[in-house]
Amino acid sequence: MSNHTMCLAENNLDSDTDSNPDESLQYYQPIDAEDDSSDHGPENGFATLHLNEDGETKGTDDDDDQEDEEETIREASNTATLRALTEDERRRNAPLTPENAARVMEGMRRVSFAGLAPDWARRVPEDQWIHQLRRLRRPPSPCPSGALGN
């Protein structure tokens, strides 16, 4: 390299700028010297998207907190509903106390059904009606293969 070219390079005379090299050095900051904590932008100009299972973008921490709170509310509501249904089912399946059974029977005495009583009602004693009704509601059992008279 010639002595003239070295001089131009040292004095920055081949540059297109009109700035003085000494002035530009006082404003120069290496990239590594920048404060990373103040830079919340994406790296190298590209933003990254974080997707959830549904393919939608995930929100900020505030959105996550709100979603967590909504999930907690849903779970509490589901738990309360399940507990209420279980208690209701248990109450319905519990046997009647003698007092409640007497009240039901007293109330049913005043009820009359329009129409005729079934034929079996005259033949079956009243205390066995519930068994007769259960027998009638039972699905028919399959016949043994020899019972059809083949």
N, C-alpha and C. Protein backbone atom coordinates (compact mmCIF):
# COMPACT_ATOMS: atom_id res chain seq x y z
N MET A 1 0.85 -1.15 0.00
CA MET A 1 0.00 0.00 0.00
C MET A 1 0.91 1.23 0.00
N SER A 2 0.56 2.19 -0.81
CA SER A 2 1.41 3.38 -0.94
C SER A 2 1.24 4.27 0.28
N ASN A 3 2.21 5.14 0.43
CA ASN A 3 2.20 6.08 1.54
C ASN A 3 1.03 7.04 1.43
N HIS A 4 0.66 7.43 0.23
CA HIS A 4 -0.45 8.35 -0.02
C HIS A 4 -1.77 7.71 0.36
N THR A 5 -1.96 6.44 0.02
CA THR A 5 -3.20 5.74 0.35
C THR A 5 -3.32 5.58 1.86
N MET A 6 -2.21 5.33 2.53
CA MET A 6 -2.24 5.20 3.97
C MET A 6 -2.64 6.51 4.62
N CYS A 7 -2.16 7.57 4.09
CA CYS A 7 -2.49 8.88 4.64
C CYS A 7 -3.96 9.17 4.47
N LEU A 8 -4.53 8.82 3.30
CA LEU A 8 -5.96 9.04 3.07
C LEU A 8 -6.80 8.19 4.02
N ALA A 9 -6.39 6.97 4.21
CA ALA A 9 -7.14 6.08 5.08
C ALA A 9 -7.07 6.56 6.52
N GLU A 10 -5.90 7.03 6.96
CA GLU A 10 -5.76 7.49 8.33
C GLU A 10 -6.57 8.75 8.58
N ASN A 11 -6.63 9.63 7.62
CA ASN A 11 -7.34 10.89 7.78
C ASN A 11 -8.79 10.80 7.32
N ASN A 12 -9.20 9.63 6.90
CA ASN A 12 -10.57 9.39 6.45
C ASN A 12 -10.95 10.32 5.31
N LEU A 13 -9.97 10.64 4.45
CA LEU A 13 -10.25 11.56 3.35
C LEU A 13 -10.98 10.88 2.22
N ASP A 14 -10.96 9.57 2.15
CA ASP A 14 -11.68 8.90 1.08
C ASP A 14 -13.13 8.63 1.47
N SER A 15 -13.57 9.14 2.60
CA SER A 15 -14.93 8.92 3.07
C SER A 15 -15.89 9.89 2.40
N ASP A 16 -17.16 9.49 2.30
CA ASP A 16 -18.19 10.36 1.74
C ASP A 16 -18.75 11.32 2.77
N THR A 17 -18.41 11.16 4.01
CA THR A 17 -18.97 12.02 5.05
C THR A 17 -18.09 13.23 5.26
N ASP A 18 -18.69 14.28 5.77
CA ASP A 18 -17.95 15.49 6.08
C ASP A 18 -17.56 15.57 7.54
N SER A 19 -17.79 14.52 8.28
CA SER A 19 -17.54 14.57 9.72
C SER A 19 -16.06 14.43 10.02
N ASN A 20 -15.69 14.97 11.11
CA ASN A 20 -14.33 14.88 11.59
C ASN A 20 -14.22 13.55 12.34
N PRO A 21 -13.20 12.74 12.04
CA PRO A 21 -13.10 11.43 12.70
C PRO A 21 -12.99 11.54 14.21
N ASP A 22 -12.42 12.59 14.72
CA ASP A 22 -12.31 12.74 16.17
C ASP A 22 -13.68 12.98 16.80
N GLU A 23 -14.55 13.72 16.12
CA GLU A 23 -15.89 13.97 16.63
C GLU A 23 -16.74 12.71 16.61
N SER A 24 -16.62 11.91 15.57
CA SER A 24 -17.45 10.72 15.45
C SER A 24 -17.08 9.68 16.51
N LEU A 25 -15.84 9.69 16.98
CA LEU A 25 -15.44 8.72 18.00
C LEU A 25 -16.12 8.97 19.34
N GLN A 26 -16.41 10.22 19.67
CA GLN A 26 -17.05 10.48 20.95
C GLN A 26 -18.51 10.00 20.97
N TYR A 27 -19.14 9.80 19.82
CA TYR A 27 -20.51 9.30 19.77
C TYR A 27 -20.58 7.81 19.48
N TYR A 28 -19.45 7.22 19.24
CA TYR A 28 -19.42 5.80 18.89
C TYR A 28 -19.65 4.96 20.15
N GLN A 29 -20.57 4.01 20.03
CA GLN A 29 -20.80 3.05 21.11
C GLN A 29 -20.85 1.67 20.49
N PRO A 30 -20.03 0.78 20.95
CA PRO A 30 -20.08 -0.57 20.41
C PRO A 30 -21.43 -1.22 20.72
N ILE A 31 -21.82 -2.14 19.88
CA ILE A 31 -23.12 -2.80 20.05
C ILE A 31 -23.20 -3.49 21.40
N ASP A 32 -22.13 -4.11 21.84
CA ASP A 32 -22.13 -4.83 23.12
C ASP A 32 -22.29 -3.90 24.30
N ALA A 33 -21.96 -2.62 24.12
CA ALA A 33 -22.03 -1.69 25.24
C ALA A 33 -23.44 -1.17 25.47
N GLU A 34 -24.39 -1.47 24.58
CA GLU A 34 -25.75 -0.98 24.75
C GLU A 34 -26.39 -1.65 25.95
N ASP A 35 -27.31 -0.96 26.57
CA ASP A 35 -28.02 -1.49 27.73
C ASP A 35 -29.11 -2.42 27.24
N ASP A 36 -28.92 -3.73 27.47
CA ASP A 36 -29.88 -4.73 27.00
C ASP A 36 -31.19 -4.67 27.77
N SER A 37 -31.16 -4.19 29.01
CA SER A 37 -32.38 -4.19 29.81
C SER A 37 -33.41 -3.19 29.29
N SER A 38 -32.96 -2.14 28.61
CA SER A 38 -33.91 -1.16 28.09
C SER A 38 -34.43 -1.55 26.72
N ASP A 39 -33.83 -2.53 26.10
CA ASP A 39 -34.22 -2.93 24.75
C ASP A 39 -35.21 -4.09 24.84
N HIS A 40 -36.47 -3.79 24.59
CA HIS A 40 -37.50 -4.82 24.63
C HIS A 40 -37.91 -5.26 23.24
N GLY A 41 -37.21 -4.77 22.24
CA GLY A 41 -37.54 -5.11 20.86
C GLY A 41 -37.08 -6.51 20.51
N PRO A 42 -37.54 -7.01 19.40
CA PRO A 42 -37.14 -8.35 18.97
C PRO A 42 -35.69 -8.37 18.51
N GLU A 43 -35.07 -9.52 18.60
CA GLU A 43 -33.70 -9.65 18.14
C GLU A 43 -33.67 -9.55 16.62
N ASN A 44 -32.66 -9.00 16.08
CA ASN A 44 -32.39 -8.80 14.66
C ASN A 44 -33.62 -8.43 13.83
N GLY A 45 -34.54 -7.66 14.41
CA GLY A 45 -35.65 -7.10 13.65
C GLY A 45 -36.82 -8.03 13.43
N PHE A 46 -36.77 -9.26 13.91
CA PHE A 46 -37.88 -10.19 13.71
C PHE A 46 -38.53 -10.49 15.05
N ALA A 47 -39.83 -10.41 15.07
CA ALA A 47 -40.57 -10.73 16.29
C ALA A 47 -40.89 -12.22 16.29
N THR A 48 -40.87 -12.80 17.47
CA THR A 48 -41.24 -14.21 17.58
C THR A 48 -42.65 -14.29 18.14
N LEU A 49 -43.42 -15.22 17.62
CA LEU A 49 -44.78 -15.44 18.10
C LEU A 49 -44.81 -16.75 18.86
N HIS A 50 -45.38 -16.72 20.03
CA HIS A 50 -45.57 -17.93 20.81
C HIS A 50 -47.03 -18.33 20.67
N LEU A 51 -47.27 -19.53 20.18
CA LEU A 51 -48.63 -19.98 19.93
C LEU A 51 -49.04 -20.98 21.00
N ASN A 52 -50.35 -20.94 21.35
CA ASN A 52 -50.86 -21.94 22.28
C ASN A 52 -51.36 -23.14 21.49
N GLU A 53 -52.01 -24.09 22.15
CA GLU A 53 -52.43 -25.33 21.50
C GLU A 53 -53.44 -25.08 20.38
N ASP A 54 -54.23 -24.00 20.49
CA ASP A 54 -55.25 -23.71 19.49
C ASP A 54 -54.69 -22.97 18.28
N GLY A 55 -53.41 -22.65 18.29
CA GLY A 55 -52.82 -21.93 17.18
C GLY A 55 -52.98 -20.43 17.31
N GLU A 56 -53.48 -19.97 18.46
CA GLU A 56 -53.63 -18.54 18.67
C GLU A 56 -52.41 -18.02 19.41
N THR A 57 -52.13 -16.73 19.22
CA THR A 57 -50.96 -16.18 19.87
C THR A 57 -51.21 -16.07 21.36
N LYS A 58 -50.14 -16.30 22.12
CA LYS A 58 -50.24 -16.16 23.57
C LYS A 58 -50.14 -14.70 23.92
N GLY A 59 -50.81 -14.31 24.98
CA GLY A 59 -50.81 -12.93 25.40
C GLY A 59 -49.68 -12.62 26.35
N THR A 60 -49.79 -11.48 26.97
CA THR A 60 -48.80 -11.06 27.94
C THR A 60 -49.05 -11.76 29.26
N ASP A 61 -48.22 -11.45 30.24
CA ASP A 61 -48.39 -12.04 31.56
C ASP A 61 -49.74 -11.66 32.16
N ASP A 62 -50.21 -10.42 31.89
CA ASP A 62 -51.51 -10.00 32.39
C ASP A 62 -52.61 -10.88 31.81
N ASP A 63 -52.51 -11.20 30.52
CA ASP A 63 -53.50 -12.08 29.88
C ASP A 63 -53.44 -13.47 30.50
N ASP A 64 -52.21 -13.95 30.76
CA ASP A 64 -52.06 -15.27 31.38
C ASP A 64 -52.67 -15.28 32.77
N ASP A 65 -52.45 -14.21 33.54
CA ASP A 65 -53.03 -14.13 34.88
C ASP A 65 -54.55 -14.13 34.81
N GLN A 66 -55.10 -13.40 33.83
CA GLN A 66 -56.55 -13.33 33.67
C GLN A 66 -57.09 -14.70 33.26
N GLU A 67 -56.38 -15.39 32.37
CA GLU A 67 -56.81 -16.73 31.96
C GLU A 67 -56.75 -17.70 33.13
N ASP A 68 -55.70 -17.60 33.95
CA ASP A 68 -55.59 -18.46 35.13
C ASP A 68 -56.74 -18.19 36.09
N GLU A 69 -57.08 -16.92 36.28
CA GLU A 69 -58.18 -16.57 37.18
C GLU A 69 -59.51 -17.10 36.64
N GLU A 70 -59.73 -16.97 35.33
CA GLU A 70 -60.96 -17.49 34.72
C GLU A 70 -61.02 -19.01 34.85
N GLU A 71 -59.89 -19.68 34.67
CA GLU A 71 -59.85 -21.14 34.80
C GLU A 71 -60.17 -21.55 36.24
N THR A 72 -59.65 -20.81 37.21
CA THR A 72 -59.93 -21.09 38.62
C THR A 72 -61.42 -20.92 38.90
N ILE A 73 -62.02 -19.88 38.35
CA ILE A 73 -63.45 -19.65 38.54
C ILE A 73 -64.25 -20.78 37.91
N ARG A 74 -63.87 -21.21 36.69
CA ARG A 74 -64.57 -22.32 36.03
C ARG A 74 -64.47 -23.60 36.84
N GLU A 75 -63.27 -23.89 37.35
CA GLU A 75 -63.08 -25.10 38.14
C GLU A 75 -63.92 -25.05 39.42
N ALA A 76 -63.96 -23.89 40.08
CA ALA A 76 -64.76 -23.76 41.30
C ALA A 76 -66.24 -23.93 40.99
N SER A 77 -66.68 -23.37 39.88
CA SER A 77 -68.08 -23.51 39.48
C SER A 77 -68.42 -24.96 39.16
N ASN A 78 -67.53 -25.64 38.43
CA ASN A 78 -67.75 -27.05 38.10
C ASN A 78 -67.78 -27.90 39.36
N THR A 79 -66.90 -27.61 40.29
CA THR A 79 -66.86 -28.36 41.55
C THR A 79 -68.14 -28.15 42.34
N ALA A 80 -68.61 -26.91 42.41
CA ALA A 80 -69.85 -26.62 43.14
C ALA A 80 -71.04 -27.30 42.47
N THR A 81 -71.08 -27.29 41.15
CA THR A 81 -72.18 -27.94 40.42
C THR A 81 -72.16 -29.44 40.67
N LEU A 82 -71.00 -30.05 40.58
CA LEU A 82 -70.88 -31.49 40.81
C LEU A 82 -71.28 -31.85 42.23
N ARG A 83 -70.86 -31.04 43.20
CA ARG A 83 -71.22 -31.29 44.59
C ARG A 83 -72.74 -31.19 44.77
N ALA A 84 -73.37 -30.18 44.17
CA ALA A 84 -74.82 -30.02 44.30
C ALA A 84 -75.56 -31.19 43.66
N LEU A 85 -75.10 -31.63 42.49
CA LEU A 85 -75.75 -32.77 41.83
C LEU A 85 -75.59 -34.05 42.65
N THR A 86 -74.42 -34.25 43.22
CA THR A 86 -74.18 -35.44 44.04
C THR A 86 -75.06 -35.43 45.28
N GLU A 87 -75.14 -34.27 45.94
CA GLU A 87 -75.99 -34.17 47.13
C GLU A 87 -77.45 -34.38 46.78
N ASP A 88 -77.90 -33.84 45.65
CA ASP A 88 -79.28 -34.02 45.22
C ASP A 88 -79.58 -35.49 44.93
N GLU A 89 -78.65 -36.15 44.25
CA GLU A 89 -78.83 -37.58 43.94
C GLU A 89 -78.86 -38.41 45.22
N ARG A 90 -77.99 -38.09 46.15
CA ARG A 90 -77.97 -38.81 47.44
C ARG A 90 -79.29 -38.60 48.18
N ARG A 91 -79.79 -37.37 48.16
CA ARG A 91 -81.05 -37.08 48.84
C ARG A 91 -82.21 -37.83 48.20
N ARG A 92 -82.22 -37.89 46.86
CA ARG A 92 -83.30 -38.59 46.16
C ARG A 92 -83.27 -40.09 46.41
N ASN A 93 -82.08 -40.65 46.54
CA ASN A 93 -81.95 -42.09 46.74
C ASN A 93 -82.06 -42.51 48.20
N ALA A 94 -82.06 -41.56 49.11
CA ALA A 94 -82.14 -41.89 50.54
C ALA A 94 -83.55 -42.41 50.85
N PRO A 95 -83.65 -43.39 51.75
CA PRO A 95 -84.98 -43.89 52.12
C PRO A 95 -85.75 -42.81 52.87
N LEU A 96 -87.07 -42.85 52.71
CA LEU A 96 -87.92 -41.88 53.40
C LEU A 96 -87.98 -42.21 54.89
N THR A 97 -88.01 -41.16 55.67
CA THR A 97 -88.23 -41.37 57.10
C THR A 97 -89.67 -41.81 57.29
N PRO A 98 -90.00 -42.46 58.39
CA PRO A 98 -91.40 -42.87 58.61
C PRO A 98 -92.37 -41.69 58.56
N GLU A 99 -91.95 -40.53 59.06
CA GLU A 99 -92.83 -39.36 59.03
C GLU A 99 -93.11 -38.92 57.59
N ASN A 100 -92.03 -38.87 56.77
CA ASN A 100 -92.21 -38.47 55.37
C ASN A 100 -93.01 -39.50 54.59
N ALA A 101 -92.82 -40.77 54.86
CA ALA A 101 -93.59 -41.82 54.19
C ALA A 101 -95.07 -41.67 54.53
N ALA A 102 -95.38 -41.37 55.79
CA ALA A 102 -96.78 -41.17 56.20
C ALA A 102 -97.37 -39.96 55.49
N ARG A 103 -96.59 -38.89 55.34
CA ARG A 103 -97.09 -37.70 54.64
C ARG A 103 -97.38 -38.00 53.17
N VAL A 104 -96.51 -38.78 52.53
CA VAL A 104 -96.72 -39.13 51.12
C VAL A 104 -97.98 -39.98 50.98
N MET A 105 -98.12 -40.96 51.85
CA MET A 105 -99.30 -41.83 51.78
C MET A 105 -100.58 -41.04 52.02
N GLU A 106 -100.54 -40.11 52.97
CA GLU A 106 -101.71 -39.28 53.24
C GLU A 106 -102.06 -38.43 52.02
N GLY A 107 -101.04 -37.87 51.40
CA GLY A 107 -101.28 -37.06 50.20
C GLY A 107 -101.80 -37.89 49.04
N MET A 108 -101.34 -39.10 48.88
CA MET A 108 -101.77 -39.96 47.77
C MET A 108 -103.19 -40.49 47.97
N ARG A 109 -103.69 -40.52 49.19
CA ARG A 109 -105.07 -40.97 49.42
C ARG A 109 -106.06 -40.05 48.74
N ARG A 110 -105.71 -38.80 48.62
CA ARG A 110 -106.62 -37.83 48.00
C ARG A 110 -106.52 -37.83 46.48
N VAL A 111 -105.58 -38.58 45.94
CA VAL A 111 -105.38 -38.61 44.49
C VAL A 111 -106.22 -39.73 43.91
N SER A 112 -106.94 -39.41 42.85
CA SER A 112 -107.69 -40.46 42.16
C SER A 112 -107.28 -40.45 40.69
N PHE A 113 -107.21 -41.62 40.13
CA PHE A 113 -106.83 -41.75 38.74
C PHE A 113 -108.08 -41.96 37.90
N ALA A 114 -108.20 -41.19 36.86
CA ALA A 114 -109.33 -41.38 35.95
C ALA A 114 -109.07 -42.63 35.13
N GLY A 115 -110.01 -43.47 35.05
CA GLY A 115 -109.81 -44.71 34.30
C GLY A 115 -109.96 -45.91 35.22
N LEU A 116 -109.76 -47.05 34.67
CA LEU A 116 -109.94 -48.29 35.41
C LEU A 116 -108.63 -48.74 36.03
N ALA A 117 -108.76 -49.40 37.17
CA ALA A 117 -107.59 -50.00 37.81
C ALA A 117 -107.19 -51.23 37.01
N PRO A 118 -105.92 -51.56 36.98
CA PRO A 118 -105.51 -52.75 36.23
C PRO A 118 -106.10 -54.03 36.86
N ASP A 119 -106.22 -55.07 36.05
CA ASP A 119 -106.81 -56.33 36.51
C ASP A 119 -106.07 -56.89 37.72
N TRP A 120 -104.77 -56.81 37.71
CA TRP A 120 -103.99 -57.39 38.79
C TRP A 120 -104.21 -56.68 40.12
N ALA A 121 -104.72 -55.43 40.11
CA ALA A 121 -104.91 -54.67 41.34
C ALA A 121 -105.90 -55.36 42.27
N ARG A 122 -106.88 -56.08 41.73
CA ARG A 122 -107.85 -56.79 42.57
C ARG A 122 -107.27 -58.10 43.11
N ARG A 123 -106.34 -58.69 42.38
CA ARG A 123 -105.79 -59.99 42.80
C ARG A 123 -104.60 -59.86 43.73
N VAL A 124 -103.84 -58.78 43.62
CA VAL A 124 -102.60 -58.61 44.39
C VAL A 124 -102.90 -57.73 45.60
N PRO A 125 -102.47 -58.17 46.78
CA PRO A 125 -102.67 -57.32 47.96
C PRO A 125 -101.93 -55.99 47.81
N GLU A 126 -102.46 -54.97 48.41
CA GLU A 126 -101.94 -53.61 48.25
C GLU A 126 -100.48 -53.49 48.69
N ASP A 127 -100.08 -54.21 49.72
CA ASP A 127 -98.69 -54.10 50.19
C ASP A 127 -97.70 -54.74 49.23
N GLN A 128 -98.19 -55.47 48.21
CA GLN A 128 -97.30 -56.10 47.23
C GLN A 128 -97.37 -55.42 45.86
N TRP A 129 -98.08 -54.33 45.76
CA TRP A 129 -98.21 -53.64 44.47
C TRP A 129 -96.84 -53.18 43.93
N ILE A 130 -96.01 -52.68 44.82
CA ILE A 130 -94.71 -52.18 44.35
C ILE A 130 -93.91 -53.29 43.70
N HIS A 131 -93.97 -54.50 44.25
CA HIS A 131 -93.27 -55.65 43.65
C HIS A 131 -93.87 -56.00 42.29
N GLN A 132 -95.20 -55.94 42.22
CA GLN A 132 -95.89 -56.24 40.95
C GLN A 132 -95.50 -55.21 39.88
N LEU A 133 -95.46 -53.95 40.27
CA LEU A 133 -95.08 -52.89 39.31
C LEU A 133 -93.64 -53.08 38.83
N ARG A 134 -92.77 -53.45 39.74
CA ARG A 134 -91.37 -53.68 39.34
C ARG A 134 -91.28 -54.86 38.39
N ARG A 135 -92.05 -55.92 38.63
CA ARG A 135 -92.05 -57.07 37.74
C ARG A 135 -92.55 -56.68 36.35
N LEU A 136 -93.56 -55.84 36.30
CA LEU A 136 -94.11 -55.41 35.01
C LEU A 136 -93.12 -54.52 34.24
N ARG A 137 -92.34 -53.76 34.95
CA ARG A 137 -91.39 -52.85 34.29
C ARG A 137 -90.12 -53.56 33.86
N ARG A 138 -89.84 -54.73 34.39
CA ARG A 138 -88.64 -55.49 34.04
C ARG A 138 -88.71 -55.93 32.58
N PRO A 139 -87.61 -55.80 31.83
CA PRO A 139 -87.64 -56.26 30.43
C PRO A 139 -87.82 -57.78 30.41
N PRO A 140 -88.49 -58.28 29.39
CA PRO A 140 -88.70 -59.73 29.32
C PRO A 140 -87.37 -60.46 29.19
N SER A 141 -87.26 -61.57 29.89
CA SER A 141 -86.02 -62.35 29.81
C SER A 141 -86.07 -63.22 28.58
N PRO A 142 -84.92 -63.48 27.96
CA PRO A 142 -84.91 -64.30 26.75
C PRO A 142 -85.34 -65.73 27.09
N CYS A 143 -86.07 -66.32 26.17
CA CYS A 143 -86.55 -67.68 26.36
C CYS A 143 -85.43 -68.67 26.10
N PRO A 144 -85.40 -69.77 26.86
CA PRO A 144 -84.42 -70.81 26.53
C PRO A 144 -84.73 -71.38 25.16
N SER A 145 -83.73 -71.90 24.48
CA SER A 145 -83.90 -72.35 23.10
C SER A 145 -84.92 -73.48 22.97
N GLY A 146 -85.09 -74.32 23.96
CA GLY A 146 -86.05 -75.42 23.87
C GLY A 146 -87.46 -75.00 24.22
N ALA A 147 -87.68 -73.79 24.75
CA ALA A 147 -89.00 -73.38 25.22
C ALA A 147 -89.91 -72.94 24.09
N LEU A 148 -89.39 -72.74 22.91
CA LEU A 148 -90.21 -72.26 21.80
C LEU A 148 -90.93 -73.39 21.10
N GLY A 149 -90.65 -74.61 21.44
CA GLY A 149 -91.35 -75.75 20.85
C GLY A 149 -90.86 -76.08 19.47
N ASN A 150 -89.60 -75.93 19.21
CA ASN A 150 -89.04 -76.25 17.90
C ASN A 150 -89.01 -77.69 17.65
